[in-house]
Amino acid sequence: MPLWSAPAEVRIPPVLALDTVLAGLRPDTERMSGLDDPIVSADAQLGHAAHGDGEAERVGDPRGEASPDLRQEGSTAEVEGSASLTVSAVARVWLARGRGQTGPWARTTRERYDRVIRQHLDGSTDGTMVAIGDLTLPELTVDIVADWSAANERVLARTTASLALLTLRQVCRFAVRRGWMSVNPVGLLEPSEKPRWRPGRVAVLEGDDLARVLDHAGAYRSLFELLAYSGLRIGECLGLTWADVGFDDGLLHVHRQLTRWREHGPLKTEAGRREVELAPAMVRLLRDEWLASPFKGPDDFVFTALTGRGRDYRHVGHNFRVAVRRSGVRADGRLSLHSLRHGYASLLIGTGLDVVYVSRQLGHANPNVTLGVYAHVIARREHAERAKAALEASHEAMTLARVARR
């Protein structure tokens, strides 16, 4: 067993409620110093932490006033009694707080963090190591974090190892903010000790390759074709109802998306709320879909399962990969549903349309996002012909000079 193995602790099951988690902490956490009201219990302080900084909670304060915040962020003072807090206990309080830099987490974000905590903090990828969640905060050194992250890299996918380290960093940041740790050990890691992950390049799917994939799409053909010629994200497309389709004006009204639970939810960003202009061919495609669908009400989904529910995006992605495999199409990059969106954007940019217009059609937060993602396409459109002309002129001049010398 490694030298940094933690002493035996009572493990906190991940499904317990916050008050149960707090009740399981050691008795010496019930008195902390350095506060405006020194008799406020740890339960009250942890409860305050779980509710966030912007809320004044009347918990544990004998005067009936809002409990003071524990520490201002950046404080280096460690609260008395926090030495017995385990990483898992702090992670549970952080998870219950449920807030990030931009506000409360989305449901999917919370579930993702919860899964990481259960699998990679409460558990261990290396059977020779004690789970890092069992360590108390003083035991969590930068060397231990480095060893833990390296073990994750050896066993887990690079993206999963990166997410595990990110989660631990956020948990430790929360502990530093509350004064339970003096420094975040994850922030002391060397660059070489962090998982290196970059997303693979997504290929563009258009032209003959697109036609071949659509020929093998079966019942998903109309959905894939609309994605390719509207630039919608998959959640936006699956969230469309017939009320969102303008058959007369040729517009798609995008104002929500379908979540993983197959119910309507907010868009990725407010900029995603937009009206997408459709080619007449897409209007005809949607009209044919409406005529053939048994679910024609304004609130019915455009693309439905047999029961009328929205389609599961995971099934859609699976069937797209099947269509690509059967078509035999190969590309320099990863072919995914997002390849259809990239093909749409490349087509608009290639025709010389203003980047602001393209950005609005795609639902980007601002044109800079479009410029960043499609800079290579824009550069090719604006400079390729001039570059080829200049190179051709230079080559002709060189050839004439060589002939003249003869």
Protein backbone atom coordinates (compact mmCIF):
# COMPACT_ATOMS: atom_id res chain seq x y z
CA MET A 1 0.00 0.00 0.00
CA PRO A 2 1.48 3.45 -0.85
CA LEU A 3 2.89 5.67 1.88
CA TRP A 4 0.11 8.19 1.39
CA SER A 5 -2.70 5.78 2.22
CA ALA A 6 -5.36 7.47 4.30
CA PRO A 7 -6.43 6.28 7.75
CA ALA A 8 -9.66 4.36 7.89
CA GLU A 9 -12.66 6.60 7.31
CA VAL A 10 -16.36 6.02 7.23
CA ARG A 11 -17.19 6.23 3.52
CA ILE A 12 -20.08 8.50 2.63
CA PRO A 13 -22.44 6.86 0.13
CA PRO A 14 -22.91 9.20 -2.85
CA VAL A 15 -26.69 9.03 -2.75
CA LEU A 16 -27.07 10.41 0.76
CA ALA A 17 -28.73 13.77 1.26
CA LEU A 18 -26.63 16.75 2.32
CA ASP A 19 -27.76 16.71 5.95
CA THR A 20 -26.80 13.04 6.17
CA VAL A 21 -23.37 13.84 4.74
CA LEU A 22 -22.87 16.60 7.25
CA ALA A 23 -24.00 14.42 10.14
CA GLY A 24 -21.31 11.90 9.22
CA LEU A 25 -18.44 14.34 9.62
CA ARG A 26 -16.16 14.03 12.60
CA PRO A 27 -17.17 15.81 15.86
CA ASP A 28 -14.23 18.20 15.77
CA THR A 29 -15.77 19.97 12.77
CA GLU A 30 -18.56 21.31 14.95
CA ARG A 31 -16.51 24.24 16.19
CA MET A 32 -14.54 26.48 13.84
CA SER A 33 -12.63 29.64 14.65
CA GLY A 34 -12.07 32.86 12.77
CA LEU A 35 -15.76 33.68 12.17
CA ASP A 36 -17.84 36.66 13.20
CA ASP A 37 -19.93 34.30 15.32
CA PRO A 38 -17.61 31.63 16.78
CA ILE A 39 -20.43 29.41 18.02
CA VAL A 40 -21.91 28.76 14.57
CA SER A 41 -21.69 25.02 13.98
CA ALA A 42 -19.94 23.32 11.09
CA ASP A 43 -23.32 22.03 9.96
CA ALA A 44 -24.57 25.59 9.58
CA GLN A 45 -21.45 26.70 7.76
CA LEU A 46 -21.44 23.75 5.40
CA GLY A 47 -25.14 24.29 4.80
CA HIS A 48 -24.40 27.88 3.85
CA ALA A 49 -21.69 26.70 1.48
CA ALA A 50 -24.08 24.32 -0.19
CA HIS A 51 -26.60 27.09 -0.88
CA GLY A 52 -24.13 29.45 -2.54
CA ASP A 53 -22.73 32.91 -1.82
CA GLY A 54 -25.68 34.89 -3.11
CA GLU A 55 -28.19 33.51 -0.59
CA ALA A 56 -28.45 34.44 3.09
CA GLU A 57 -29.63 31.31 4.88
CA ARG A 58 -30.96 31.39 8.46
CA VAL A 59 -29.23 28.19 9.49
CA GLY A 60 -27.51 27.62 12.82
CA ASP A 61 -27.33 31.28 13.82
CA PRO A 62 -28.72 31.78 17.36
CA ARG A 63 -29.39 35.45 16.67
CA GLY A 64 -31.69 34.63 13.75
CA GLU A 65 -29.46 36.51 11.33
CA ALA A 66 -27.88 35.25 8.14
CA SER A 67 -24.80 33.15 8.80
CA PRO A 68 -21.56 34.86 7.75
CA ASP A 69 -19.66 33.57 4.77
CA LEU A 70 -16.78 31.30 5.75
CA ARG A 71 -13.92 32.99 4.00
CA GLN A 72 -13.37 35.35 1.13
CA GLU A 73 -11.94 33.63 -1.89
CA GLY A 74 -8.17 33.73 -1.85
CA SER A 75 -7.85 33.44 1.91
CA THR A 76 -4.86 31.42 3.09
CA ALA A 77 -6.11 30.78 6.61
CA GLU A 78 -7.20 27.23 7.34
CA VAL A 79 -10.32 26.81 9.46
CA GLU A 80 -9.79 24.95 12.71
CA GLY A 81 -11.25 21.46 12.49
CA SER A 82 -11.09 21.21 8.70
CA ALA A 83 -8.12 18.84 8.97
CA SER A 84 -10.53 15.94 9.42
CA LEU A 85 -12.61 16.73 6.34
CA THR A 86 -12.12 14.20 3.56
CA VAL A 87 -11.98 15.03 -0.11
CA SER A 88 -15.19 13.06 -0.67
CA ALA A 89 -17.02 14.98 2.07
CA VAL A 90 -16.01 18.32 0.54
CA ALA A 91 -16.92 17.04 -2.91
CA ARG A 92 -20.43 16.20 -1.69
CA VAL A 93 -20.92 19.69 -0.25
CA TRP A 94 -19.58 21.24 -3.48
CA LEU A 95 -21.92 19.02 -5.49
CA ALA A 96 -24.90 19.99 -3.33
CA ARG A 97 -24.06 23.66 -3.85
CA GLY A 98 -24.52 23.04 -7.56
CA ARG A 99 -23.11 26.29 -8.88
CA GLY A 100 -20.36 27.31 -11.25
CA GLN A 101 -18.91 30.59 -12.46
CA THR A 102 -21.98 31.30 -14.60
CA GLY A 103 -24.61 30.30 -12.05
CA PRO A 104 -26.49 27.10 -11.19
CA TRP A 105 -25.47 24.03 -13.15
CA ALA A 106 -27.64 22.43 -15.75
CA ARG A 107 -29.00 19.02 -14.87
CA THR A 108 -26.57 17.28 -17.21
CA THR A 109 -23.60 19.10 -15.66
CA ARG A 110 -24.55 18.03 -12.16
CA GLU A 111 -25.02 14.42 -13.23
CA ARG A 112 -21.64 14.41 -14.96
CA TYR A 113 -19.86 15.75 -11.86
CA ASP A 114 -21.75 13.31 -9.64
CA ARG A 115 -20.66 10.41 -11.85
CA VAL A 116 -17.01 11.53 -11.78
CA ILE A 117 -17.05 11.86 -7.99
CA ARG A 118 -18.57 8.42 -7.50
CA GLN A 119 -16.30 6.65 -9.97
CA HIS A 120 -12.99 8.46 -9.71
CA LEU A 121 -12.86 10.23 -6.33
CA ASP A 122 -14.82 7.80 -4.18
CA GLY A 123 -13.33 4.93 -6.19
CA SER A 124 -9.86 4.24 -7.55
CA THR A 125 -8.62 3.14 -10.96
CA ASP A 126 -5.54 1.60 -9.35
CA GLY A 127 -6.20 -1.22 -6.89
CA THR A 128 -2.93 -0.50 -5.08
CA MET A 129 -4.02 3.02 -4.16
CA VAL A 130 -6.53 4.22 -1.62
CA ALA A 131 -9.30 6.24 -3.25
CA ILE A 132 -8.27 9.88 -3.27
CA GLY A 133 -11.66 10.78 -1.80
CA ASP A 134 -10.70 8.95 1.42
CA LEU A 135 -7.82 11.33 2.07
CA THR A 136 -8.24 14.24 4.45
CA LEU A 137 -7.51 17.70 3.08
CA PRO A 138 -4.05 18.00 4.73
CA GLU A 139 -3.08 14.61 3.22
CA LEU A 140 -3.88 15.79 -0.31
CA THR A 141 -0.46 16.93 -1.55
CA VAL A 142 0.54 17.88 -5.08
CA ASP A 143 2.62 14.69 -5.41
CA ILE A 144 -0.38 12.54 -4.50
CA VAL A 145 -2.54 14.38 -7.03
CA ALA A 146 0.14 13.87 -9.68
CA ASP A 147 0.32 10.12 -8.97
CA TRP A 148 -3.46 9.85 -8.98
CA SER A 149 -3.79 11.67 -12.28
CA ALA A 150 -1.04 9.57 -13.85
CA ALA A 151 -2.83 6.38 -12.74
CA ASN A 152 -6.02 7.67 -14.32
CA GLU A 153 -4.21 8.36 -17.59
CA ARG A 154 -2.91 4.80 -17.70
CA VAL A 155 -6.38 3.29 -17.34
CA LEU A 156 -8.97 5.82 -18.48
CA ALA A 157 -9.65 7.51 -21.78
CA ARG A 158 -7.81 10.80 -22.04
CA THR A 159 -11.03 12.80 -21.94
CA THR A 160 -12.20 10.99 -18.79
CA ALA A 161 -8.85 11.49 -17.06
CA SER A 162 -9.00 15.19 -17.91
CA LEU A 163 -12.53 15.49 -16.54
CA ALA A 164 -11.54 13.72 -13.32
CA LEU A 165 -8.68 16.15 -12.74
CA LEU A 166 -10.90 19.11 -13.59
CA THR A 167 -13.47 17.96 -11.04
CA LEU A 168 -10.84 17.56 -8.31
CA ARG A 169 -9.50 21.02 -9.13
CA GLN A 170 -12.97 22.54 -8.70
CA VAL A 171 -13.53 20.68 -5.42
CA CYS A 172 -10.19 21.93 -4.05
CA ARG A 173 -10.92 25.43 -5.28
CA PHE A 174 -14.16 25.30 -3.31
CA ALA A 175 -12.25 24.14 -0.21
CA VAL A 176 -9.74 26.99 -0.57
CA ARG A 177 -12.59 29.45 -0.99
CA ARG A 178 -14.10 28.24 2.29
CA GLY A 179 -10.79 28.39 4.12
CA TRP A 180 -10.54 24.62 4.59
CA MET A 181 -7.30 24.47 2.55
CA SER A 182 -4.57 27.04 2.15
CA VAL A 183 -3.67 26.15 -1.43
CA ASN A 184 -5.13 24.15 -4.29
CA PRO A 185 -2.69 21.28 -4.99
CA VAL A 186 -4.07 20.73 -8.50
CA GLY A 187 -2.96 24.23 -9.43
CA LEU A 188 0.64 23.30 -8.53
CA LEU A 189 0.89 20.50 -11.07
CA GLU A 190 3.48 20.84 -13.81
CA PRO A 191 2.11 20.91 -17.37
CA SER A 192 3.62 17.48 -18.00
CA GLU A 193 1.63 16.07 -15.07
CA LYS A 194 -1.73 17.00 -16.57
CA PRO A 195 -3.59 14.89 -19.14
CA ARG A 196 -3.10 16.32 -22.59
CA TRP A 197 -6.28 16.13 -24.62
CA ARG A 198 -7.35 17.93 -27.74
CA PRO A 199 -10.58 17.14 -29.55
CA GLY A 200 -10.13 15.38 -32.84
CA ARG A 201 -10.84 17.42 -35.95
CA VAL A 202 -14.37 17.00 -37.22
CA ALA A 203 -14.51 16.47 -40.99
CA VAL A 204 -16.84 18.34 -43.32
CA LEU A 205 -19.51 16.27 -45.05
CA GLU A 206 -20.89 17.71 -48.28
CA GLY A 207 -21.38 17.05 -51.98
CA ASP A 208 -21.12 13.50 -53.28
CA ASP A 209 -20.01 12.15 -49.89
CA LEU A 210 -23.13 13.61 -48.30
CA ALA A 211 -25.31 12.07 -50.99
CA ARG A 212 -23.77 8.64 -50.39
CA VAL A 213 -24.37 8.85 -46.63
CA LEU A 214 -27.98 9.96 -47.13
CA ASP A 215 -28.56 7.01 -49.47
CA HIS A 216 -27.77 4.70 -46.53
CA ALA A 217 -29.64 6.65 -43.84
CA GLY A 218 -32.96 4.81 -44.13
CA ALA A 219 -35.65 6.32 -41.90
CA TYR A 220 -33.21 9.01 -40.73
CA ARG A 221 -32.61 10.47 -44.19
CA SER A 222 -34.91 13.50 -43.79
CA LEU A 223 -33.42 14.33 -40.39
CA PHE A 224 -29.84 14.14 -41.67
CA GLU A 225 -30.72 16.13 -44.79
CA LEU A 226 -32.29 18.93 -42.75
CA LEU A 227 -29.24 19.04 -40.48
CA ALA A 228 -26.99 19.36 -43.54
CA TYR A 229 -29.00 22.23 -45.05
CA SER A 230 -30.02 24.18 -41.94
CA GLY A 231 -26.89 24.02 -39.77
CA LEU A 232 -28.93 23.18 -36.67
CA ARG A 233 -27.36 21.40 -33.75
CA ILE A 234 -28.84 17.96 -33.16
CA GLY A 235 -30.68 19.02 -29.98
CA GLU A 236 -32.15 22.04 -31.76
CA CYS A 237 -33.36 19.92 -34.65
CA LEU A 238 -34.90 17.24 -32.46
CA GLY A 239 -36.63 19.93 -30.40
CA LEU A 240 -38.53 21.35 -33.40
CA THR A 241 -42.30 21.14 -33.32
CA TRP A 242 -44.61 21.86 -36.25
CA ALA A 243 -45.38 25.27 -34.74
CA ASP A 244 -41.69 26.14 -35.28
CA VAL A 245 -41.82 25.48 -39.04
CA GLY A 246 -42.81 28.40 -41.25
CA PHE A 247 -44.10 26.74 -44.40
CA ASP A 248 -45.14 30.10 -45.88
CA ASP A 249 -42.09 32.22 -45.07
CA GLY A 250 -39.52 29.41 -45.26
CA LEU A 251 -38.19 29.97 -41.74
CA LEU A 252 -37.34 27.67 -38.87
CA HIS A 253 -37.95 29.27 -35.48
CA VAL A 254 -35.25 27.93 -33.14
CA HIS A 255 -35.95 28.77 -29.50
CA ARG A 256 -35.36 25.55 -27.52
CA GLN A 257 -33.78 22.14 -27.81
CA LEU A 258 -34.51 18.55 -26.84
CA THR A 259 -32.61 17.34 -23.79
CA ARG A 260 -31.21 13.90 -23.20
CA TRP A 261 -34.43 13.10 -21.31
CA ARG A 262 -36.40 13.86 -24.50
CA GLU A 263 -38.07 16.94 -23.14
CA HIS A 264 -37.73 20.59 -24.11
CA GLY A 265 -34.97 22.59 -22.49
CA PRO A 266 -33.16 25.91 -23.02
CA LEU A 267 -30.74 26.44 -25.87
CA LYS A 268 -26.99 26.17 -25.46
CA THR A 269 -26.77 29.98 -25.44
CA GLU A 270 -29.27 32.79 -25.83
CA ALA A 271 -27.63 33.55 -29.19
CA GLY A 272 -29.00 30.22 -30.38
CA ARG A 273 -32.48 31.75 -30.45
CA ARG A 274 -32.84 32.59 -34.13
CA GLU A 275 -34.73 32.22 -37.38
CA VAL A 276 -33.01 30.01 -39.92
CA GLU A 277 -33.76 30.59 -43.58
CA LEU A 278 -34.58 27.43 -45.51
CA ALA A 279 -34.06 26.55 -49.13
CA PRO A 280 -37.30 25.73 -50.97
CA ALA A 281 -36.15 22.10 -51.14
CA MET A 282 -36.09 21.95 -47.34
CA VAL A 283 -39.56 23.46 -47.10
CA ARG A 284 -40.81 20.73 -49.45
CA LEU A 285 -39.00 18.09 -47.41
CA LEU A 286 -40.66 19.26 -44.19
CA ARG A 287 -44.07 19.46 -45.83
CA ASP A 288 -43.70 15.86 -47.00
CA GLU A 289 -42.73 14.88 -43.45
CA TRP A 290 -45.83 16.60 -42.07
CA LEU A 291 -48.10 14.86 -44.57
CA ALA A 292 -46.62 11.46 -43.75
CA SER A 293 -46.57 11.92 -39.97
CA PRO A 294 -49.41 10.66 -37.75
CA PHE A 295 -48.48 13.48 -35.31
CA LYS A 296 -49.52 16.71 -37.02
CA GLY A 297 -50.43 18.95 -34.07
CA PRO A 298 -48.58 22.25 -33.63
CA ASP A 299 -46.97 20.96 -30.43
CA ASP A 300 -46.00 17.59 -31.91
CA PHE A 301 -42.34 16.96 -32.68
CA VAL A 302 -41.23 17.13 -36.30
CA PHE A 303 -39.03 14.08 -35.86
CA THR A 304 -40.60 11.49 -33.58
CA ALA A 305 -40.24 7.96 -32.37
CA LEU A 306 -43.13 5.58 -33.09
CA THR A 307 -44.87 6.70 -29.90
CA GLY A 308 -44.75 10.39 -30.81
CA ARG A 309 -41.98 11.22 -28.34
CA GLY A 310 -38.93 13.07 -29.52
CA ARG A 311 -36.09 10.94 -30.83
CA ASP A 312 -33.21 9.97 -28.58
CA TYR A 313 -30.13 11.83 -29.80
CA ARG A 314 -27.96 8.83 -28.95
CA HIS A 315 -29.95 6.63 -31.31
CA VAL A 316 -29.68 9.32 -33.97
CA GLY A 317 -25.90 9.46 -33.57
CA HIS A 318 -25.65 5.68 -33.71
CA ASN A 319 -27.67 5.52 -36.93
CA PHE A 320 -25.54 8.26 -38.49
CA ARG A 321 -22.38 6.26 -37.79
CA VAL A 322 -24.05 3.18 -39.30
CA ALA A 323 -24.93 5.17 -42.44
CA VAL A 324 -21.36 6.45 -42.75
CA ARG A 325 -19.94 2.97 -42.35
CA ARG A 326 -22.29 1.46 -44.92
CA SER A 327 -21.64 4.27 -47.40
CA GLY A 328 -17.89 3.65 -47.36
CA VAL A 329 -17.20 7.39 -47.11
CA ARG A 330 -13.79 8.26 -45.68
CA ALA A 331 -12.59 11.67 -44.57
CA ASP A 332 -9.56 13.42 -43.12
CA GLY A 333 -11.05 13.72 -39.66
CA ARG A 334 -13.89 12.36 -37.61
CA LEU A 335 -17.29 12.08 -39.29
CA SER A 336 -20.08 12.88 -36.85
CA LEU A 337 -23.42 14.63 -36.85
CA HIS A 338 -21.49 17.87 -36.41
CA SER A 339 -19.93 17.22 -39.82
CA LEU A 340 -23.32 18.14 -41.31
CA ARG A 341 -23.28 21.50 -39.50
CA HIS A 342 -19.70 22.12 -40.65
CA GLY A 343 -20.70 21.35 -44.22
CA TYR A 344 -23.54 23.88 -44.02
CA ALA A 345 -21.23 26.59 -42.62
CA SER A 346 -18.54 25.89 -45.22
CA LEU A 347 -21.11 26.16 -48.00
CA LEU A 348 -22.36 29.57 -46.82
CA ILE A 349 -18.86 30.92 -46.26
CA GLY A 350 -17.65 29.56 -49.59
CA THR A 351 -20.34 31.51 -51.44
CA GLY A 352 -19.00 34.77 -50.02
CA LEU A 353 -21.76 35.51 -47.52
CA ASP A 354 -21.00 38.00 -44.76
CA VAL A 355 -19.61 36.33 -41.65
CA VAL A 356 -22.10 38.18 -39.44
CA TYR A 357 -24.99 36.62 -41.36
CA VAL A 358 -23.38 33.17 -41.22
CA SER A 359 -22.84 33.59 -37.48
CA ARG A 360 -26.52 34.38 -36.93
CA GLN A 361 -27.64 31.44 -39.02
CA LEU A 362 -25.44 29.12 -36.94
CA GLY A 363 -26.53 30.62 -33.62
CA HIS A 364 -23.02 31.57 -32.55
CA ALA A 365 -22.64 34.00 -29.66
CA ASN A 366 -20.81 36.46 -31.92
CA PRO A 367 -19.02 36.52 -35.31
CA ASN A 368 -15.66 35.98 -33.60
CA VAL A 369 -16.76 32.45 -32.75
CA THR A 370 -17.48 31.81 -36.42
CA LEU A 371 -14.16 33.34 -37.44
CA GLY A 372 -12.32 31.15 -34.95
CA VAL A 373 -14.00 27.91 -36.00
CA TYR A 374 -14.03 28.49 -39.75
CA ALA A 375 -10.97 30.71 -40.21
CA HIS A 376 -9.40 28.23 -42.62
CA VAL A 377 -12.52 28.19 -44.80
CA ILE A 378 -12.77 31.98 -44.83
CA ALA A 379 -9.07 32.34 -45.62
CA ARG A 380 -9.34 29.86 -48.47
CA ARG A 381 -12.34 31.69 -49.94
CA GLU A 382 -10.80 35.15 -49.69
CA HIS A 383 -7.21 34.43 -50.64
CA ALA A 384 -6.98 31.16 -52.55
CA GLU A 385 -7.75 32.54 -55.99
CA ARG A 386 -5.47 35.55 -55.53
CA ALA A 387 -2.70 33.35 -54.22
CA LYS A 388 -2.98 30.99 -57.17
CA ALA A 389 -2.98 33.92 -59.62
CA ALA A 390 0.11 35.45 -58.01
CA LEU A 391 1.95 32.13 -58.05
CA GLU A 392 0.99 31.54 -61.68
CA ALA A 393 2.18 35.03 -62.69
CA SER A 394 5.47 34.52 -60.87
CA HIS A 395 6.01 31.17 -62.55
CA GLU A 396 5.32 32.64 -66.00
CA ALA A 397 7.79 35.48 -65.34
CA MET A 398 10.44 33.02 -64.25
CA THR A 399 9.84 30.90 -67.36
CA LEU A 400 10.08 33.93 -69.70
CA ALA A 401 13.30 35.06 -68.05
CA ARG A 402 14.80 31.63 -68.49
CA VAL A 403 13.79 31.57 -72.18
CA ALA A 404 15.24 35.06 -72.71
CA ARG A 405 18.60 33.97 -71.32
CA ARG A 406 18.79 31.28 -73.97
